[in-house]
N, C-alpha and C. Protein backbone atom coordinates (compact mmCIF):
# COMPACT_ATOMS: atom_id res chain seq x y z
N UNK A 1 -23.39 69.62 -61.53
CA UNK A 1 -21.88 70.23 -61.42
C UNK A 1 -21.64 70.53 -59.75
N UNK A 2 -20.29 69.95 -59.02
CA UNK A 2 -19.95 70.35 -57.92
C UNK A 2 -19.40 71.66 -57.87
N UNK A 3 -19.41 72.52 -56.75
CA UNK A 3 -19.26 74.13 -56.71
C UNK A 3 -18.34 74.24 -56.19
N UNK A 4 -17.26 75.46 -56.26
CA UNK A 4 -16.51 75.33 -55.04
C UNK A 4 -16.21 75.18 -54.03
N UNK A 5 -17.83 75.90 -53.29
CA UNK A 5 -18.34 76.20 -51.95
C UNK A 5 -18.75 74.70 -51.42
N UNK A 6 -18.69 73.81 -52.49
CA UNK A 6 -19.30 72.21 -51.93
C UNK A 6 -18.32 71.61 -51.74
N UNK A 7 -17.27 71.94 -52.29
CA UNK A 7 -15.65 70.80 -52.13
C UNK A 7 -14.94 71.51 -51.32
N UNK A 8 -14.74 70.15 -50.00
CA UNK A 8 -13.34 70.80 -48.91
C UNK A 8 -12.07 70.69 -49.08
N UNK A 9 -12.58 69.22 -50.25
CA UNK A 9 -10.76 69.31 -50.23
C UNK A 9 -10.41 69.51 -51.44
N UNK A 10 -8.86 70.14 -51.39
CA UNK A 10 -8.75 70.79 -52.12
C UNK A 10 -7.98 69.61 -53.55
N UNK A 11 -7.87 68.95 -53.27
CA UNK A 11 -7.17 68.04 -54.45
C UNK A 11 -9.02 67.62 -55.50
N UNK A 12 -9.66 66.90 -54.69
CA UNK A 12 -10.96 66.82 -55.10
C UNK A 12 -11.19 68.01 -56.12
N UNK A 13 -11.30 69.01 -55.61
CA UNK A 13 -11.90 70.61 -56.22
C UNK A 13 -10.49 70.71 -57.60
N UNK A 14 -9.18 70.48 -57.58
CA UNK A 14 -8.51 70.21 -58.25
C UNK A 14 -9.32 69.83 -59.72
N UNK A 15 -9.16 68.41 -59.62
CA UNK A 15 -9.90 67.65 -60.19
C UNK A 15 -11.01 67.28 -61.00
N UNK A 16 -11.94 68.19 -59.99
CA UNK A 16 -13.85 68.34 -60.82
C UNK A 16 -13.63 69.51 -61.66
N UNK A 17 -12.69 70.64 -61.34
CA UNK A 17 -12.53 71.46 -61.71
C UNK A 17 -11.41 71.53 -63.22
N UNK A 18 -10.60 70.60 -63.20
CA UNK A 18 -10.27 70.36 -64.26
C UNK A 18 -10.85 69.37 -65.59
N UNK A 19 -11.37 68.14 -65.12
CA UNK A 19 -12.40 67.75 -65.56
C UNK A 19 -13.83 68.34 -66.16
N UNK A 20 -14.26 69.51 -65.33
CA UNK A 20 -15.52 70.25 -66.05
C UNK A 20 -14.95 70.93 -67.52
N UNK A 21 -13.70 71.60 -67.22
CA UNK A 21 -13.67 72.67 -68.03
C UNK A 21 -12.62 71.87 -69.18
N UNK A 22 -12.42 70.39 -68.72
CA UNK A 22 -11.49 69.53 -70.20
C UNK A 22 -12.52 69.36 -70.79
N UNK A 23 -14.02 68.58 -70.67
CA UNK A 23 -14.96 68.90 -71.41
C UNK A 23 -15.69 69.86 -72.16
N UNK A 24 -15.34 70.59 -71.38
CA UNK A 24 -16.50 72.22 -71.99
C UNK A 24 -15.36 72.09 -73.03
N UNK A 25 -13.95 72.18 -73.26
CA UNK A 25 -13.17 72.37 -74.38
C UNK A 25 -13.51 71.38 -75.34
N UNK A 26 -13.70 70.26 -75.19
CA UNK A 26 -13.83 68.86 -76.21
C UNK A 26 -14.96 69.54 -76.79
N UNK A 27 -16.36 69.92 -75.67
CA UNK A 27 -17.06 70.22 -76.08
C UNK A 27 -16.73 71.07 -77.72
N UNK A 28 -16.35 71.86 -76.96
CA UNK A 28 -16.16 73.27 -78.19
C UNK A 28 -15.20 72.43 -79.46
N UNK A 29 -14.77 71.50 -79.81
CA UNK A 29 -14.12 71.35 -81.02
C UNK A 29 -12.42 71.27 -80.96
N UNK A 30 -12.03 71.65 -79.71
CA UNK A 30 -10.53 71.73 -78.91
C UNK A 30 -10.33 70.50 -78.95
N UNK A 31 -9.13 69.89 -78.79
CA UNK A 31 -8.27 68.65 -78.40
C UNK A 31 -7.02 69.08 -77.07
N UNK A 32 -7.73 68.12 -76.07
CA UNK A 32 -6.23 68.80 -75.15
C UNK A 32 -6.67 67.43 -74.02
N UNK A 33 -4.85 67.20 -73.36
CA UNK A 33 -4.59 66.71 -72.61
C UNK A 33 -4.88 66.96 -71.32
N UNK A 34 -4.87 66.42 -70.23
CA UNK A 34 -5.02 66.54 -68.97
C UNK A 34 -3.68 67.14 -68.06
N UNK A 35 -4.32 68.36 -67.24
CA UNK A 35 -2.73 68.77 -67.04
C UNK A 35 -2.48 68.03 -66.05
N UNK A 36 -0.93 68.10 -66.04
CA UNK A 36 -0.41 67.53 -64.46
C UNK A 36 -0.12 68.02 -63.35
N UNK A 37 -1.26 68.88 -63.01
CA UNK A 37 -0.95 69.52 -61.95
C UNK A 37 -1.06 71.20 -61.68
N UNK A 38 -0.64 71.42 -62.96
CA UNK A 38 -1.17 72.49 -63.77
C UNK A 38 -2.44 73.49 -63.74
N UNK A 39 -2.36 75.03 -63.40
CA UNK A 39 -3.60 75.52 -63.29
C UNK A 39 -3.95 76.28 -64.88
N UNK A 40 -3.35 75.44 -65.89
CA UNK A 40 -3.65 75.68 -66.95
C UNK A 40 -4.04 75.01 -67.63
N UNK A 41 -5.17 74.51 -69.27
CA UNK A 41 -4.63 73.29 -70.35
C UNK A 41 -4.49 74.38 -71.62
N UNK A 42 -3.24 73.89 -72.27
CA UNK A 42 -3.23 73.97 -73.12
C UNK A 42 -4.09 72.90 -74.31
N UNK A 43 -4.79 73.61 -75.17
CA UNK A 43 -5.42 73.25 -76.47
C UNK A 43 -5.16 73.26 -78.01
N UNK A 44 -5.78 72.24 -78.29
CA UNK A 44 -5.66 72.82 -79.92
C UNK A 44 -6.88 72.72 -80.71
N UNK A 45 -6.73 74.04 -81.70
CA UNK A 45 -7.90 74.88 -82.02
C UNK A 45 -8.00 74.52 -83.08
N UNK A 46 -6.92 73.52 -84.28
CA UNK A 46 -6.77 73.04 -85.68
C UNK A 46 -8.00 72.87 -86.17
N UNK A 47 -9.03 71.85 -85.48
CA UNK A 47 -10.62 71.67 -86.19
C UNK A 47 -11.11 72.96 -86.53
N UNK A 48 -10.65 74.37 -85.54
CA UNK A 48 -11.27 75.41 -85.76
C UNK A 48 -11.41 76.19 -86.14
N UNK A 49 -9.92 76.30 -86.72
CA UNK A 49 -9.66 77.35 -87.54
C UNK A 49 -8.02 77.27 -87.75
N UNK A 50 -7.79 77.47 -89.28
CA UNK A 50 -6.23 77.74 -89.43
C UNK A 50 -5.23 78.71 -89.15
N UNK A 51 -6.25 79.60 -88.78
CA UNK A 51 -5.02 80.74 -88.30
C UNK A 51 -4.31 80.38 -86.77
N UNK A 52 -3.12 81.26 -87.19
CA UNK A 52 -2.00 81.62 -86.23
C UNK A 52 -2.73 81.50 -85.04
N UNK A 53 -1.80 80.90 -83.72
CA UNK A 53 -2.38 80.97 -82.59
C UNK A 53 -2.47 82.66 -82.08
N UNK A 54 -1.96 83.35 -82.33
CA UNK A 54 -1.85 85.20 -81.93
C UNK A 54 -3.33 85.58 -82.51
N UNK A 55 -3.52 84.91 -83.76
CA UNK A 55 -4.76 85.64 -84.58
C UNK A 55 -6.27 85.31 -84.03
N UNK A 56 -6.02 83.79 -83.42
CA UNK A 56 -7.00 82.78 -83.49
C UNK A 56 -7.36 83.49 -81.86
N UNK A 57 -6.57 83.50 -80.71
CA UNK A 57 -6.28 84.05 -79.72
C UNK A 57 -6.80 85.21 -79.75
N UNK A 58 -6.22 86.62 -79.90
CA UNK A 58 -7.67 87.53 -80.38
C UNK A 58 -9.27 87.32 -81.06
N UNK A 59 -9.39 86.70 -81.98
CA UNK A 59 -10.26 86.20 -82.41
C UNK A 59 -11.32 85.75 -81.40
N UNK A 60 -10.79 84.98 -80.77
CA UNK A 60 -11.68 84.09 -79.47
C UNK A 60 -12.17 85.32 -78.63
N UNK A 61 -10.75 85.48 -78.44
CA UNK A 61 -11.53 86.88 -77.06
C UNK A 61 -12.55 88.16 -77.64
N UNK A 62 -12.17 88.36 -78.48
CA UNK A 62 -12.82 88.99 -79.63
C UNK A 62 -14.89 88.81 -79.90
N UNK A 63 -14.69 87.92 -80.38
CA UNK A 63 -16.29 87.31 -80.56
C UNK A 63 -16.54 86.52 -79.43
N UNK A 64 -16.40 85.64 -78.63
CA UNK A 64 -16.52 84.79 -77.74
C UNK A 64 -16.37 85.28 -75.73
N UNK A 65 -15.62 86.20 -75.74
CA UNK A 65 -15.11 86.80 -74.96
C UNK A 65 -14.09 86.08 -73.90
N UNK A 66 -13.44 85.05 -74.39
CA UNK A 66 -12.99 83.90 -73.46
C UNK A 66 -11.33 84.35 -74.03
N UNK A 67 -10.50 84.11 -73.54
CA UNK A 67 -9.43 84.83 -73.43
C UNK A 67 -8.21 83.97 -73.17
N UNK A 68 -7.40 83.18 -74.50
CA UNK A 68 -6.86 82.05 -73.94
C UNK A 68 -5.07 83.30 -74.03
N UNK A 69 -4.01 82.55 -74.10
CA UNK A 69 -2.66 82.47 -74.45
C UNK A 69 -2.57 82.17 -75.34
N UNK A 70 -2.24 82.46 -76.60
CA UNK A 70 -1.40 81.88 -77.44
C UNK A 70 -0.48 80.73 -77.04
N UNK A 71 -0.20 79.82 -77.54
CA UNK A 71 0.84 78.94 -77.06
C UNK A 71 1.93 79.28 -77.29
N UNK A 72 2.22 79.37 -78.60
CA UNK A 72 3.18 79.65 -78.73
C UNK A 72 4.32 80.43 -78.76
N UNK A 73 3.61 81.51 -77.80
CA UNK A 73 4.14 82.73 -76.85
C UNK A 73 5.48 82.34 -75.59
N UNK A 74 5.01 80.65 -75.45
CA UNK A 74 5.80 80.06 -74.57
C UNK A 74 7.11 79.26 -74.99
N UNK A 75 7.61 79.63 -76.93
CA UNK A 75 8.74 78.92 -77.19
C UNK A 75 8.78 79.50 -77.79
N UNK A 76 10.52 79.31 -77.98
CA UNK A 76 11.74 79.91 -78.75
C UNK A 76 11.26 79.19 -80.19
N UNK A 77 10.94 78.21 -80.35
CA UNK A 77 10.51 78.02 -81.85
C UNK A 77 9.13 77.80 -81.71
N UNK A 78 8.23 78.90 -82.49
CA UNK A 78 6.70 78.41 -82.44
C UNK A 78 6.10 77.50 -83.44
N UNK A 79 6.95 77.50 -84.06
CA UNK A 79 5.70 76.76 -84.81
C UNK A 79 5.54 76.01 -85.24
N UNK A 80 5.81 74.52 -84.20
CA UNK A 80 5.05 73.40 -83.84
C UNK A 80 4.10 73.34 -82.73
N UNK A 81 3.59 75.05 -82.38
CA UNK A 81 3.10 75.47 -81.01
C UNK A 81 2.07 76.31 -81.87
N UNK A 82 1.98 76.15 -83.24
CA UNK A 82 0.84 77.41 -83.95
C UNK A 82 -0.16 77.17 -83.67
N UNK A 83 -0.75 75.70 -83.50
CA UNK A 83 -2.54 75.61 -83.26
C UNK A 83 -2.63 75.49 -81.88
N UNK A 84 -1.95 76.09 -80.92
CA UNK A 84 -2.18 75.67 -79.21
C UNK A 84 -2.24 77.25 -78.77
N UNK A 85 -3.65 77.14 -77.62
CA UNK A 85 -4.08 78.60 -76.78
C UNK A 85 -3.69 77.78 -75.57
N UNK A 86 -3.29 78.41 -74.66
CA UNK A 86 -3.75 78.11 -73.29
C UNK A 86 -4.93 79.13 -72.23
N UNK A 87 -5.71 77.89 -72.04
CA UNK A 87 -6.47 78.06 -70.98
C UNK A 87 -6.27 78.14 -69.33
N UNK A 88 -6.70 78.95 -68.95
CA UNK A 88 -5.94 79.60 -67.38
C UNK A 88 -7.48 79.31 -66.35
N UNK A 89 -7.55 77.97 -65.25
CA UNK A 89 -8.50 77.88 -64.40
C UNK A 89 -8.07 78.31 -63.33
N UNK A 90 -7.54 79.03 -62.95
CA UNK A 90 -7.60 79.75 -61.52
C UNK A 90 -8.68 80.55 -61.45
N UNK A 91 -10.19 80.28 -61.94
CA UNK A 91 -11.48 81.52 -61.46
C UNK A 91 -12.07 80.47 -60.87
N UNK A 92 -13.22 80.97 -60.33
CA UNK A 92 -14.42 80.37 -59.58
C UNK A 92 -15.34 79.49 -61.08
N UNK A 93 -16.06 78.94 -60.15
CA UNK A 93 -16.64 77.82 -60.80
C UNK A 93 -17.68 78.65 -62.29
N UNK A 94 -18.45 79.69 -61.38
CA UNK A 94 -19.61 80.25 -62.52
C UNK A 94 -18.63 81.05 -63.41
N UNK A 95 -17.78 81.37 -63.07
CA UNK A 95 -16.80 82.12 -64.35
C UNK A 95 -16.13 80.56 -65.82
N UNK A 96 -15.83 80.29 -65.31
CA UNK A 96 -15.58 79.18 -65.59
C UNK A 96 -16.92 78.09 -66.31
N UNK A 97 -17.71 77.95 -66.01
CA UNK A 97 -19.10 77.69 -66.71
C UNK A 97 -19.05 78.81 -67.99
N UNK A 98 -19.74 79.78 -67.48
CA UNK A 98 -19.76 80.40 -68.68
C UNK A 98 -18.68 80.30 -69.68
N UNK A 99 -17.68 80.90 -69.52
CA UNK A 99 -16.49 80.23 -70.42
C UNK A 99 -16.81 79.14 -71.24
N UNK A 100 -17.32 78.06 -70.58
CA UNK A 100 -17.44 76.57 -71.46
C UNK A 100 -18.51 76.62 -72.48
N UNK A 101 -20.22 77.78 -71.86
CA UNK A 101 -20.39 77.65 -72.58
C UNK A 101 -20.53 78.76 -74.02
N UNK A 102 -19.90 79.48 -73.64
CA UNK A 102 -19.18 80.57 -74.53
C UNK A 102 -18.38 80.00 -75.18
N UNK A 103 -17.02 79.29 -75.57
CA UNK A 103 -16.26 78.20 -75.97
C UNK A 103 -17.37 77.53 -77.42
N UNK A 104 -18.65 76.14 -76.53
CA UNK A 104 -19.22 75.45 -77.45
C UNK A 104 -19.86 76.76 -78.08
N UNK A 105 -20.56 78.08 -77.94
CA UNK A 105 -21.25 78.55 -78.95
C UNK A 105 -20.31 79.58 -79.82
N UNK A 106 -18.98 79.59 -79.55
CA UNK A 106 -18.47 80.36 -80.71
C UNK A 106 -17.91 78.55 -81.57
N UNK A 107 -17.82 77.88 -81.05
CA UNK A 107 -17.77 76.44 -81.57
C UNK A 107 -19.10 76.15 -83.25
N UNK A 108 -19.86 76.53 -82.33
CA UNK A 108 -21.13 75.83 -83.15
C UNK A 108 -21.19 77.00 -84.14
N UNK A 109 -20.88 78.26 -84.06
CA UNK A 109 -20.48 79.54 -85.35
C UNK A 109 -19.56 79.40 -86.40
N UNK A 110 -18.61 78.22 -85.89
CA UNK A 110 -17.46 78.18 -87.03
C UNK A 110 -17.45 77.31 -87.02
N UNK A 111 -18.23 76.04 -86.91
CA UNK A 111 -18.42 74.48 -87.73
C UNK A 111 -18.93 74.48 -88.59
């Protein structure tokens, strides 16, 4: 896996970071789309839990040490987004790798 200091091109760094995190999120059982330039990924966790997004986000933070933001907090009508969480990836490569491993371990315990 390429590391931040090894990549000089900002666009390439962005795409590598997105690709790595999306793979880790998908490996952990979440569904997500490729972001269109943002530094976060919305992910659907419905295969992992039936909990509302705020409860799931707290549980993930407590049990896995990865703290997403409930997707429902970004919308006035939260119900359609009740199984979405948002992961920010404006972090160091090593931090994102650790988060990916923690998400995969969480998934193994809950599927």
